[in-house]
Amino acid sequence: MLNNIDVPVASQILLTGLVSAVFTGILVFAFQKVFERWIQRAIQTEARQIRFIERQLEEFYSPMMGCLRKIQAKSLLRLEIGKVSHVAWKEICKRHPDPFLDHEKYFEPFMKNIRYNNKELREEIIPLYDEMLSIFTEKYWLANPSTRKWFSELSDFVGLWHRWLDESIPADVVREIGHNEDQLKPFYEDLESYIDMLQKRLSGV
């Protein structure tokens, strides 16, 4: 049969097949390169996302939670000591006649605890809030949107504490404003939920 085909026609067939094969090879090569670049970009994007999450944890959420946990631990201890002290003082009062003439002598250890609490508040607890606000200010870009909305609330809370300690704001004004840490509890919950979520994303859970 091949003998019956004209040479030019046979050459054309061979040439067409060769061109088709070459073109197919070029397409395969081009697709392979595009696919490789896509994979590379995906890997780079994933690496950037992981690094961003690491920075969120290392530079924002973990330091913020560290300060918060220290504040909560100190506050809880103060509360527990306060409750026990109240019970102990009532017992002392019961054991002494009325009027309790030398109550100042017995109350002095309790007064020392109050002075210690005031000193701790001024020198340790409020500086921890200051540190949280400083981290928030410097690393604002690392916070998730739901966290960022609490910046003003934290700033106001810390600012009011400083005014109170400086005795530059009346107690009635503080009460009217509603200066209470309960306002920040949703913020604390947000911090805790995000640190858990980011840790799970890094661990692949």
N, C-alpha and C. Protein backbone atom coordinates (compact mmCIF):
# COMPACT_ATOMS: atom_id res chain seq x y z
N MET A 1 0.83 -1.20 0.00
CA MET A 1 0.00 0.00 0.00
C MET A 1 0.86 1.23 0.00
N LEU A 2 1.98 1.21 0.78
CA LEU A 2 2.85 2.37 0.85
C LEU A 2 3.41 2.74 -0.49
N ASN A 3 3.62 1.64 -1.36
CA ASN A 3 4.18 1.90 -2.69
C ASN A 3 3.23 2.69 -3.54
N ASN A 4 1.91 2.63 -3.24
CA ASN A 4 0.91 3.32 -4.04
C ASN A 4 0.73 4.78 -3.63
N ILE A 5 1.37 5.19 -2.51
CA ILE A 5 1.25 6.56 -2.02
C ILE A 5 2.36 7.39 -2.63
N ASP A 6 2.00 8.53 -3.16
CA ASP A 6 3.02 9.42 -3.72
C ASP A 6 4.01 9.83 -2.66
N VAL A 7 5.23 10.02 -3.04
CA VAL A 7 6.30 10.41 -2.11
C VAL A 7 5.99 11.73 -1.42
N PRO A 8 5.54 12.76 -2.18
CA PRO A 8 5.22 14.03 -1.51
C PRO A 8 4.14 13.87 -0.45
N VAL A 9 3.15 13.02 -0.77
CA VAL A 9 2.07 12.81 0.18
C VAL A 9 2.60 12.11 1.43
N ALA A 10 3.43 11.11 1.25
CA ALA A 10 4.02 10.39 2.38
C ALA A 10 4.87 11.31 3.23
N SER A 11 5.60 12.15 2.56
CA SER A 11 6.45 13.10 3.29
C SER A 11 5.59 14.06 4.10
N GLN A 12 4.47 14.49 3.49
CA GLN A 12 3.57 15.40 4.18
C GLN A 12 2.98 14.75 5.43
N ILE A 13 2.62 13.47 5.29
CA ILE A 13 2.06 12.73 6.42
C ILE A 13 3.08 12.61 7.55
N LEU A 14 4.31 12.26 7.14
CA LEU A 14 5.38 12.13 8.14
C LEU A 14 5.67 13.47 8.81
N LEU A 15 5.66 14.52 8.02
CA LEU A 15 5.95 15.85 8.54
C LEU A 15 4.86 16.31 9.50
N THR A 16 3.59 16.03 9.08
CA THR A 16 2.46 16.40 9.94
C THR A 16 2.53 15.67 11.27
N GLY A 17 2.85 14.37 11.21
CA GLY A 17 2.97 13.57 12.44
C GLY A 17 4.09 14.08 13.33
N LEU A 18 5.21 14.46 12.66
CA LEU A 18 6.36 14.95 13.41
C LEU A 18 6.01 16.29 14.09
N VAL A 19 5.36 17.16 13.33
CA VAL A 19 4.97 18.46 13.88
C VAL A 19 3.99 18.27 15.04
N SER A 20 3.05 17.35 14.84
CA SER A 20 2.06 17.08 15.89
C SER A 20 2.74 16.56 17.15
N ALA A 21 3.72 15.68 16.97
CA ALA A 21 4.44 15.13 18.13
C ALA A 21 5.23 16.21 18.84
N VAL A 22 5.89 17.03 18.04
CA VAL A 22 6.67 18.12 18.63
C VAL A 22 5.77 19.09 19.38
N PHE A 23 4.65 19.44 18.74
CA PHE A 23 3.70 20.37 19.35
C PHE A 23 3.13 19.81 20.65
N THR A 24 2.81 18.50 20.61
CA THR A 24 2.31 17.83 21.82
C THR A 24 3.36 17.86 22.92
N GLY A 25 4.61 17.61 22.54
CA GLY A 25 5.70 17.64 23.52
C GLY A 25 5.87 19.02 24.13
N ILE A 26 5.74 20.05 23.27
CA ILE A 26 5.84 21.43 23.77
C ILE A 26 4.73 21.73 24.75
N LEU A 27 3.50 21.28 24.39
CA LEU A 27 2.36 21.50 25.27
C LEU A 27 2.56 20.82 26.62
N VAL A 28 3.03 19.57 26.58
CA VAL A 28 3.27 18.82 27.81
C VAL A 28 4.33 19.51 28.65
N PHE A 29 5.40 19.96 28.00
CA PHE A 29 6.49 20.64 28.71
C PHE A 29 6.00 21.94 29.33
N ALA A 30 5.22 22.70 28.52
CA ALA A 30 4.69 23.98 29.01
C ALA A 30 3.74 23.75 30.18
N PHE A 31 2.87 22.74 30.06
CA PHE A 31 1.93 22.44 31.15
C PHE A 31 2.68 22.03 32.40
N GLN A 32 3.74 21.24 32.21
CA GLN A 32 4.54 20.79 33.35
C GLN A 32 5.18 21.98 34.06
N LYS A 33 5.68 22.93 33.27
CA LYS A 33 6.31 24.11 33.87
C LYS A 33 5.28 24.97 34.62
N VAL A 34 4.11 25.13 34.00
CA VAL A 34 3.05 25.90 34.64
C VAL A 34 2.63 25.23 35.94
N PHE A 35 2.49 23.91 35.89
CA PHE A 35 2.10 23.16 37.07
C PHE A 35 3.16 23.29 38.17
N GLU A 36 4.42 23.20 37.78
CA GLU A 36 5.51 23.32 38.75
C GLU A 36 5.51 24.70 39.40
N ARG A 37 5.29 25.74 38.56
CA ARG A 37 5.24 27.10 39.12
C ARG A 37 4.05 27.27 40.06
N TRP A 38 2.92 26.67 39.71
CA TRP A 38 1.74 26.74 40.56
C TRP A 38 1.99 26.06 41.90
N ILE A 39 2.62 24.88 41.84
CA ILE A 39 2.96 24.15 43.07
C ILE A 39 3.92 24.98 43.92
N GLN A 40 4.91 25.60 43.25
CA GLN A 40 5.89 26.40 43.97
C GLN A 40 5.24 27.60 44.66
N ARG A 41 4.33 28.26 43.92
CA ARG A 41 3.62 29.40 44.50
C ARG A 41 2.75 28.95 45.68
N ALA A 42 2.10 27.80 45.53
CA ALA A 42 1.26 27.28 46.61
C ALA A 42 2.10 26.99 47.86
N ILE A 43 3.28 26.41 47.65
CA ILE A 43 4.19 26.10 48.77
C ILE A 43 4.64 27.40 49.43
N GLN A 44 4.99 28.39 48.62
CA GLN A 44 5.45 29.67 49.16
C GLN A 44 4.33 30.38 49.93
N THR A 45 3.10 30.30 49.37
CA THR A 45 1.96 30.92 50.04
C THR A 45 1.69 30.25 51.38
N GLU A 46 1.75 28.92 51.39
CA GLU A 46 1.54 28.17 52.64
C GLU A 46 2.62 28.52 53.66
N ALA A 47 3.88 28.63 53.18
CA ALA A 47 4.98 28.97 54.08
C ALA A 47 4.79 30.37 54.68
N ARG A 48 4.32 31.33 53.85
CA ARG A 48 4.07 32.68 54.35
C ARG A 48 2.95 32.68 55.39
N GLN A 49 1.90 31.89 55.12
CA GLN A 49 0.78 31.82 56.05
C GLN A 49 1.22 31.22 57.39
N ILE A 50 2.03 30.17 57.32
CA ILE A 50 2.52 29.53 58.54
C ILE A 50 3.40 30.49 59.33
N ARG A 51 4.27 31.22 58.61
CA ARG A 51 5.15 32.18 59.30
C ARG A 51 4.34 33.30 59.94
N PHE A 52 3.28 33.72 59.27
CA PHE A 52 2.43 34.78 59.83
C PHE A 52 1.74 34.28 61.11
N ILE A 53 1.25 33.05 61.07
CA ILE A 53 0.61 32.46 62.25
C ILE A 53 1.63 32.34 63.39
N GLU A 54 2.86 31.93 63.05
CA GLU A 54 3.90 31.84 64.07
C GLU A 54 4.16 33.19 64.71
N ARG A 55 4.21 34.24 63.88
CA ARG A 55 4.43 35.58 64.41
C ARG A 55 3.25 36.05 65.26
N GLN A 56 2.04 35.70 64.83
CA GLN A 56 0.86 36.04 65.64
C GLN A 56 0.99 35.43 67.03
N LEU A 57 1.38 34.16 67.08
CA LEU A 57 1.50 33.48 68.36
C LEU A 57 2.67 34.02 69.18
N GLU A 58 3.83 34.14 68.54
CA GLU A 58 5.05 34.50 69.25
C GLU A 58 5.06 35.96 69.71
N GLU A 59 4.53 36.85 68.87
CA GLU A 59 4.69 38.28 69.12
C GLU A 59 3.43 38.96 69.65
N PHE A 60 2.27 38.32 69.51
CA PHE A 60 1.05 38.97 69.97
C PHE A 60 0.27 38.12 70.97
N TYR A 61 -0.31 37.01 70.50
CA TYR A 61 -1.25 36.28 71.34
C TYR A 61 -0.59 35.65 72.57
N SER A 62 0.57 35.03 72.41
CA SER A 62 1.22 34.41 73.56
C SER A 62 1.66 35.44 74.61
N PRO A 63 2.32 36.55 74.21
CA PRO A 63 2.67 37.56 75.22
C PRO A 63 1.45 38.17 75.89
N MET A 64 0.38 38.41 75.12
CA MET A 64 -0.84 38.96 75.71
C MET A 64 -1.42 38.00 76.74
N MET A 65 -1.49 36.71 76.38
CA MET A 65 -2.05 35.73 77.30
C MET A 65 -1.15 35.53 78.51
N GLY A 66 0.17 35.67 78.32
CA GLY A 66 1.09 35.56 79.46
C GLY A 66 0.83 36.64 80.49
N CYS A 67 0.67 37.87 80.01
CA CYS A 67 0.34 38.98 80.92
C CYS A 67 -1.00 38.75 81.60
N LEU A 68 -1.98 38.33 80.81
CA LEU A 68 -3.33 38.13 81.35
C LEU A 68 -3.34 37.04 82.41
N ARG A 69 -2.67 35.93 82.15
CA ARG A 69 -2.64 34.83 83.12
C ARG A 69 -1.97 35.27 84.43
N LYS A 70 -0.95 36.09 84.33
CA LYS A 70 -0.28 36.57 85.54
C LYS A 70 -1.20 37.50 86.32
N ILE A 71 -1.92 38.37 85.61
CA ILE A 71 -2.89 39.26 86.26
C ILE A 71 -3.97 38.43 86.97
N GLN A 72 -4.49 37.43 86.26
CA GLN A 72 -5.56 36.61 86.82
C GLN A 72 -5.09 35.82 88.04
N ALA A 73 -3.86 35.32 87.98
CA ALA A 73 -3.33 34.55 89.11
C ALA A 73 -3.19 35.45 90.35
N LYS A 74 -2.65 36.64 90.16
CA LYS A 74 -2.49 37.57 91.27
C LYS A 74 -3.85 38.01 91.81
N SER A 75 -4.77 38.29 90.91
CA SER A 75 -6.11 38.75 91.33
C SER A 75 -6.85 37.66 92.10
N LEU A 76 -6.70 36.40 91.63
CA LEU A 76 -7.37 35.29 92.32
C LEU A 76 -6.80 35.10 93.72
N LEU A 77 -5.49 35.21 93.85
CA LEU A 77 -4.86 35.06 95.17
C LEU A 77 -5.32 36.19 96.10
N ARG A 78 -5.38 37.41 95.57
CA ARG A 78 -5.86 38.54 96.37
C ARG A 78 -7.30 38.31 96.85
N LEU A 79 -8.12 37.79 95.95
CA LEU A 79 -9.52 37.53 96.28
C LEU A 79 -9.64 36.47 97.37
N GLU A 80 -8.87 35.38 97.23
CA GLU A 80 -8.93 34.30 98.21
C GLU A 80 -8.46 34.78 99.58
N ILE A 81 -7.35 35.54 99.59
CA ILE A 81 -6.84 36.07 100.86
C ILE A 81 -7.84 37.03 101.47
N GLY A 82 -8.48 37.84 100.62
CA GLY A 82 -9.49 38.79 101.10
C GLY A 82 -10.66 38.09 101.76
N LYS A 83 -11.13 37.01 101.16
CA LYS A 83 -12.26 36.26 101.74
C LYS A 83 -11.89 35.66 103.10
N VAL A 84 -10.73 35.03 103.15
CA VAL A 84 -10.30 34.40 104.41
C VAL A 84 -10.04 35.47 105.47
N SER A 85 -9.48 36.59 105.06
CA SER A 85 -9.21 37.68 106.01
C SER A 85 -10.49 38.23 106.60
N HIS A 86 -11.51 38.34 105.78
CA HIS A 86 -12.81 38.84 106.25
C HIS A 86 -13.39 37.91 107.32
N VAL A 87 -13.31 36.62 107.07
CA VAL A 87 -13.82 35.63 108.04
C VAL A 87 -13.00 35.68 109.33
N ALA A 88 -11.67 35.77 109.16
CA ALA A 88 -10.78 35.79 110.34
C ALA A 88 -11.03 37.03 111.19
N TRP A 89 -11.24 38.17 110.55
CA TRP A 89 -11.48 39.40 111.31
C TRP A 89 -12.82 39.33 112.06
N LYS A 90 -13.81 38.76 111.45
CA LYS A 90 -15.11 38.61 112.13
C LYS A 90 -14.96 37.74 113.37
N GLU A 91 -14.15 36.69 113.28
CA GLU A 91 -13.93 35.82 114.42
C GLU A 91 -13.20 36.55 115.54
N ILE A 92 -12.25 37.38 115.17
CA ILE A 92 -11.52 38.16 116.18
C ILE A 92 -12.47 39.11 116.89
N CYS A 93 -13.32 39.74 116.10
CA CYS A 93 -14.29 40.67 116.69
C CYS A 93 -15.25 39.97 117.65
N LYS A 94 -15.63 38.76 117.33
CA LYS A 94 -16.55 38.00 118.20
C LYS A 94 -15.91 37.67 119.54
N ARG A 95 -14.59 37.48 119.54
CA ARG A 95 -13.89 37.08 120.76
C ARG A 95 -13.58 38.26 121.68
N HIS A 96 -13.87 39.46 121.24
CA HIS A 96 -13.55 40.64 122.05
C HIS A 96 -14.83 41.40 122.40
N PRO A 97 -14.82 42.00 123.58
CA PRO A 97 -16.03 42.72 124.03
C PRO A 97 -16.27 43.99 123.21
N ASP A 98 -17.48 44.44 123.29
CA ASP A 98 -17.86 45.69 122.61
C ASP A 98 -17.95 46.79 123.68
N PRO A 99 -17.23 47.88 123.58
CA PRO A 99 -16.42 48.27 122.42
C PRO A 99 -15.06 47.57 122.37
N PHE A 100 -14.60 47.33 121.14
CA PHE A 100 -13.32 46.66 120.87
C PHE A 100 -12.23 47.73 120.92
N LEU A 101 -11.76 48.01 122.15
CA LEU A 101 -10.88 49.16 122.36
C LEU A 101 -9.51 49.03 121.68
N ASP A 102 -8.93 47.86 121.70
CA ASP A 102 -7.59 47.70 121.11
C ASP A 102 -7.65 47.04 119.73
N HIS A 103 -8.70 47.35 118.99
CA HIS A 103 -8.88 46.71 117.68
C HIS A 103 -7.76 47.07 116.70
N GLU A 104 -7.16 48.26 116.86
CA GLU A 104 -6.10 48.68 115.93
C GLU A 104 -4.91 47.72 115.99
N LYS A 105 -4.60 47.24 117.21
CA LYS A 105 -3.47 46.31 117.36
C LYS A 105 -3.74 45.01 116.60
N TYR A 106 -4.98 44.51 116.71
CA TYR A 106 -5.34 43.26 116.04
C TYR A 106 -5.52 43.45 114.53
N PHE A 107 -5.94 44.64 114.16
CA PHE A 107 -6.21 44.89 112.74
C PHE A 107 -4.94 45.20 111.94
N GLU A 108 -3.84 45.50 112.63
CA GLU A 108 -2.61 45.90 111.92
C GLU A 108 -2.14 44.87 110.88
N PRO A 109 -2.13 43.54 111.18
CA PRO A 109 -1.74 42.58 110.13
C PRO A 109 -2.66 42.63 108.91
N PHE A 110 -3.94 42.87 109.16
CA PHE A 110 -4.88 42.97 108.05
C PHE A 110 -4.63 44.24 107.25
N MET A 111 -4.25 45.31 107.97
CA MET A 111 -3.93 46.57 107.30
C MET A 111 -2.68 46.41 106.44
N LYS A 112 -1.73 45.62 106.90
CA LYS A 112 -0.53 45.37 106.11
C LYS A 112 -0.88 44.66 104.80
N ASN A 113 -1.85 43.75 104.89
CA ASN A 113 -2.30 43.04 103.68
C ASN A 113 -2.94 44.02 102.69
N ILE A 114 -3.73 44.96 103.21
CA ILE A 114 -4.35 45.96 102.35
C ILE A 114 -3.29 46.83 101.68
N ARG A 115 -2.29 47.24 102.47
CA ARG A 115 -1.22 48.06 101.90
C ARG A 115 -0.43 47.28 100.85
N TYR A 116 -0.22 45.98 101.13
CA TYR A 116 0.48 45.15 100.15
C TYR A 116 -0.32 45.06 98.86
N ASN A 117 -1.64 44.86 98.97
CA ASN A 117 -2.50 44.78 97.78
C ASN A 117 -2.43 46.07 96.96
N ASN A 118 -2.48 47.21 97.65
CA ASN A 118 -2.41 48.49 96.95
C ASN A 118 -1.07 48.67 96.23
N LYS A 119 -0.01 48.25 96.90
CA LYS A 119 1.33 48.34 96.31
C LYS A 119 1.45 47.40 95.10
N GLU A 120 0.92 46.20 95.25
CA GLU A 120 0.96 45.23 94.16
C GLU A 120 0.16 45.72 92.97
N LEU A 121 -1.00 46.32 93.24
CA LEU A 121 -1.83 46.85 92.16
C LEU A 121 -1.07 47.92 91.37
N ARG A 122 -0.44 48.84 92.10
CA ARG A 122 0.25 49.95 91.46
C ARG A 122 1.53 49.51 90.75
N GLU A 123 2.29 48.62 91.37
CA GLU A 123 3.63 48.31 90.88
C GLU A 123 3.72 47.05 90.02
N GLU A 124 2.71 46.18 90.09
CA GLU A 124 2.78 44.94 89.34
C GLU A 124 1.60 44.71 88.40
N ILE A 125 0.38 44.85 88.92
CA ILE A 125 -0.78 44.52 88.10
C ILE A 125 -1.03 45.54 87.00
N ILE A 126 -1.06 46.83 87.37
CA ILE A 126 -1.28 47.87 86.36
C ILE A 126 -0.16 47.87 85.31
N PRO A 127 1.11 47.70 85.70
CA PRO A 127 2.16 47.59 84.67
C PRO A 127 1.95 46.42 83.70
N LEU A 128 1.31 45.33 84.18
CA LEU A 128 1.00 44.22 83.28
C LEU A 128 -0.06 44.64 82.25
N TYR A 129 -1.05 45.40 82.71
CA TYR A 129 -2.03 45.95 81.76
C TYR A 129 -1.35 46.91 80.78
N ASP A 130 -0.42 47.70 81.28
CA ASP A 130 0.34 48.60 80.41
C ASP A 130 1.10 47.82 79.34
N GLU A 131 1.67 46.70 79.77
CA GLU A 131 2.42 45.87 78.82
C GLU A 131 1.48 45.29 77.75
N MET A 132 0.30 44.87 78.16
CA MET A 132 -0.67 44.36 77.20
C MET A 132 -1.04 45.43 76.18
N LEU A 133 -1.27 46.65 76.66
CA LEU A 133 -1.63 47.74 75.77
C LEU A 133 -0.46 48.09 74.84
N SER A 134 0.76 48.01 75.36
CA SER A 134 1.94 48.28 74.53
C SER A 134 2.09 47.23 73.42
N ILE A 135 1.89 45.96 73.77
CA ILE A 135 1.95 44.89 72.76
C ILE A 135 0.87 45.11 71.71
N PHE A 136 -0.32 45.44 72.16
CA PHE A 136 -1.45 45.67 71.26
C PHE A 136 -1.13 46.82 70.29
N THR A 137 -0.52 47.88 70.82
CA THR A 137 -0.19 49.05 70.00
C THR A 137 0.88 48.72 68.97
N GLU A 138 1.93 48.05 69.40
CA GLU A 138 3.07 47.78 68.52
C GLU A 138 2.79 46.65 67.52
N LYS A 139 1.98 45.69 67.93
CA LYS A 139 1.74 44.51 67.10
C LYS A 139 0.29 44.43 66.63
N TYR A 140 -0.34 45.56 66.50
CA TYR A 140 -1.76 45.62 66.11
C TYR A 140 -2.02 44.85 64.83
N TRP A 141 -1.07 44.92 63.87
CA TRP A 141 -1.25 44.29 62.57
C TRP A 141 -1.26 42.76 62.65
N LEU A 142 -0.79 42.21 63.77
CA LEU A 142 -0.80 40.76 63.94
C LEU A 142 -2.11 40.24 64.55
N ALA A 143 -2.94 41.15 65.03
CA ALA A 143 -4.20 40.74 65.66
C ALA A 143 -5.26 40.46 64.61
N ASN A 144 -6.09 39.49 64.90
CA ASN A 144 -7.23 39.20 64.03
C ASN A 144 -8.28 40.30 64.18
N PRO A 145 -9.14 40.48 63.17
CA PRO A 145 -10.14 41.56 63.22
C PRO A 145 -11.00 41.56 64.47
N SER A 146 -11.43 40.38 64.93
CA SER A 146 -12.28 40.34 66.12
C SER A 146 -11.53 40.77 67.37
N THR A 147 -10.20 40.65 67.35
CA THR A 147 -9.38 41.08 68.48
C THR A 147 -9.15 42.59 68.43
N ARG A 148 -8.94 43.11 67.23
CA ARG A 148 -8.62 44.54 67.08
C ARG A 148 -9.71 45.45 67.64
N LYS A 149 -10.94 45.01 67.57
CA LYS A 149 -12.05 45.87 68.01
C LYS A 149 -12.00 46.15 69.51
N TRP A 150 -11.15 45.41 70.26
CA TRP A 150 -11.05 45.59 71.70
C TRP A 150 -9.95 46.56 72.10
N PHE A 151 -9.26 47.11 71.13
CA PHE A 151 -8.14 48.00 71.44
C PHE A 151 -8.60 49.21 72.27
N SER A 152 -9.64 49.87 71.81
CA SER A 152 -10.12 51.07 72.50
C SER A 152 -10.60 50.74 73.91
N GLU A 153 -11.28 49.61 74.05
CA GLU A 153 -11.80 49.20 75.36
C GLU A 153 -10.65 48.99 76.35
N LEU A 154 -9.60 48.30 75.90
CA LEU A 154 -8.45 48.06 76.77
C LEU A 154 -7.75 49.38 77.09
N SER A 155 -7.60 50.23 76.09
CA SER A 155 -6.94 51.52 76.30
C SER A 155 -7.69 52.37 77.32
N ASP A 156 -9.01 52.41 77.21
CA ASP A 156 -9.83 53.17 78.16
C ASP A 156 -9.73 52.59 79.57
N PHE A 157 -9.75 51.27 79.65
CA PHE A 157 -9.69 50.59 80.95
C PHE A 157 -8.38 50.93 81.67
N VAL A 158 -7.27 50.84 80.94
CA VAL A 158 -5.96 51.14 81.52
C VAL A 158 -5.84 52.62 81.86
N GLY A 159 -6.33 53.47 80.98
CA GLY A 159 -6.27 54.91 81.23
C GLY A 159 -7.03 55.33 82.47
N LEU A 160 -8.20 54.74 82.69
CA LEU A 160 -8.99 55.05 83.88
C LEU A 160 -8.28 54.59 85.16
N TRP A 161 -7.59 53.45 85.10
CA TRP A 161 -6.84 52.98 86.26
C TRP A 161 -5.75 53.98 86.62
N HIS A 162 -5.06 54.49 85.62
CA HIS A 162 -3.99 55.45 85.90
C HIS A 162 -4.55 56.74 86.48
N ARG A 163 -5.68 57.19 85.97
CA ARG A 163 -6.30 58.39 86.52
C ARG A 163 -6.73 58.15 87.98
N TRP A 164 -7.26 56.97 88.26
CA TRP A 164 -7.69 56.64 89.61
C TRP A 164 -6.50 56.59 90.57
N LEU A 165 -5.43 55.94 90.15
CA LEU A 165 -4.25 55.85 91.01
C LEU A 165 -3.58 57.21 91.20
N ASP A 166 -3.72 58.06 90.20
CA ASP A 166 -3.16 59.41 90.29
C ASP A 166 -4.09 60.35 91.07
N GLU A 167 -5.25 59.83 91.47
CA GLU A 167 -6.26 60.60 92.20
C GLU A 167 -6.71 61.83 91.41
N SER A 168 -6.77 61.66 90.09
CA SER A 168 -7.17 62.78 89.22
C SER A 168 -8.58 62.59 88.68
N ILE A 169 -9.31 61.60 89.23
CA ILE A 169 -10.70 61.39 88.81
C ILE A 169 -11.51 60.97 90.04
N PRO A 170 -12.66 61.59 90.27
CA PRO A 170 -13.48 61.25 91.44
C PRO A 170 -14.04 59.83 91.35
N ALA A 171 -14.23 59.23 92.52
CA ALA A 171 -14.76 57.86 92.57
C ALA A 171 -16.15 57.79 91.95
N ASP A 172 -16.95 58.85 92.15
CA ASP A 172 -18.31 58.86 91.58
C ASP A 172 -18.27 58.82 90.06
N VAL A 173 -17.29 59.48 89.48
CA VAL A 173 -17.15 59.48 88.02
C VAL A 173 -16.78 58.09 87.53
N VAL A 174 -15.88 57.43 88.26
CA VAL A 174 -15.47 56.07 87.89
C VAL A 174 -16.67 55.13 87.93
N ARG A 175 -17.49 55.26 88.97
CA ARG A 175 -18.68 54.41 89.08
C ARG A 175 -19.67 54.71 87.96
N GLU A 176 -19.81 55.97 87.63
CA GLU A 176 -20.76 56.36 86.59
C GLU A 176 -20.31 55.82 85.22
N ILE A 177 -19.02 55.86 84.99
CA ILE A 177 -18.49 55.33 83.73
C ILE A 177 -18.66 53.82 83.66
N GLY A 178 -18.64 53.18 84.82
CA GLY A 178 -18.77 51.73 84.84
C GLY A 178 -17.45 51.02 84.63
N HIS A 179 -16.42 51.53 85.32
CA HIS A 179 -15.07 50.95 85.19
C HIS A 179 -15.03 49.59 85.86
N ASN A 180 -15.12 48.54 85.04
CA ASN A 180 -15.22 47.19 85.58
C ASN A 180 -14.55 46.22 84.61
N GLU A 181 -13.78 45.30 85.16
CA GLU A 181 -13.06 44.36 84.30
C GLU A 181 -13.98 43.40 83.58
N ASP A 182 -15.21 43.28 84.03
CA ASP A 182 -16.17 42.41 83.35
C ASP A 182 -16.35 42.83 81.89
N GLN A 183 -16.14 44.11 81.62
CA GLN A 183 -16.26 44.61 80.25
C GLN A 183 -15.22 43.97 79.33
N LEU A 184 -14.11 43.54 79.91
CA LEU A 184 -13.02 42.97 79.10
C LEU A 184 -13.08 41.45 78.99
N LYS A 185 -14.01 40.81 79.67
CA LYS A 185 -14.07 39.35 79.63
C LYS A 185 -14.26 38.79 78.22
N PRO A 186 -15.12 39.40 77.38
CA PRO A 186 -15.20 38.91 75.99
C PRO A 186 -13.88 39.04 75.24
N PHE A 187 -13.11 40.08 75.56
CA PHE A 187 -11.79 40.26 74.96
C PHE A 187 -10.85 39.14 75.39
N TYR A 188 -10.87 38.80 76.68
CA TYR A 188 -10.04 37.71 77.18
C TYR A 188 -10.43 36.39 76.50
N GLU A 189 -11.72 36.18 76.33
CA GLU A 189 -12.20 34.96 75.67
C GLU A 189 -11.75 34.91 74.21
N ASP A 190 -11.73 36.07 73.57
CA ASP A 190 -11.27 36.16 72.19
C ASP A 190 -9.80 35.77 72.10
N LEU A 191 -8.98 36.30 73.00
CA LEU A 191 -7.56 35.97 73.01
C LEU A 191 -7.35 34.46 73.17
N GLU A 192 -8.06 33.89 74.11
CA GLU A 192 -7.89 32.46 74.40
C GLU A 192 -8.35 31.60 73.23
N SER A 193 -9.48 31.96 72.60
CA SER A 193 -10.00 31.16 71.49
C SER A 193 -9.06 31.22 70.28
N TYR A 194 -8.48 32.39 70.03
CA TYR A 194 -7.60 32.52 68.88
C TYR A 194 -6.27 31.83 69.10
N ILE A 195 -5.75 31.88 70.32
CA ILE A 195 -4.48 31.21 70.56
C ILE A 195 -4.66 29.70 70.41
N ASP A 196 -5.80 29.17 70.83
CA ASP A 196 -6.09 27.74 70.64
C ASP A 196 -6.22 27.40 69.16
N MET A 197 -6.95 28.25 68.41
CA MET A 197 -7.16 28.00 67.00
C MET A 197 -5.84 28.05 66.22
N LEU A 198 -5.00 29.04 66.52
CA LEU A 198 -3.73 29.18 65.80
C LEU A 198 -2.79 28.03 66.11
N GLN A 199 -2.79 27.57 67.34
CA GLN A 199 -1.96 26.43 67.71
C GLN A 199 -2.41 25.17 66.98
N LYS A 200 -3.73 24.99 66.85
CA LYS A 200 -4.25 23.82 66.12
C LYS A 200 -3.87 23.90 64.64
N ARG A 201 -3.92 25.09 64.06
CA ARG A 201 -3.56 25.24 62.65
C ARG A 201 -2.10 24.90 62.42
N LEU A 202 -1.24 25.27 63.36
CA LEU A 202 0.17 24.95 63.21
C LEU A 202 0.44 23.46 63.39
N SER A 203 -0.32 22.85 64.28
CA SER A 203 -0.11 21.41 64.53
C SER A 203 -0.82 20.53 63.50
N GLY A 204 -1.66 21.17 62.64
CA GLY A 204 -2.34 20.42 61.61
C GLY A 204 -3.58 19.71 62.07
N VAL A 205 -4.06 20.05 63.27
CA VAL A 205 -5.27 19.39 63.81
C VAL A 205 -6.49 19.93 63.10
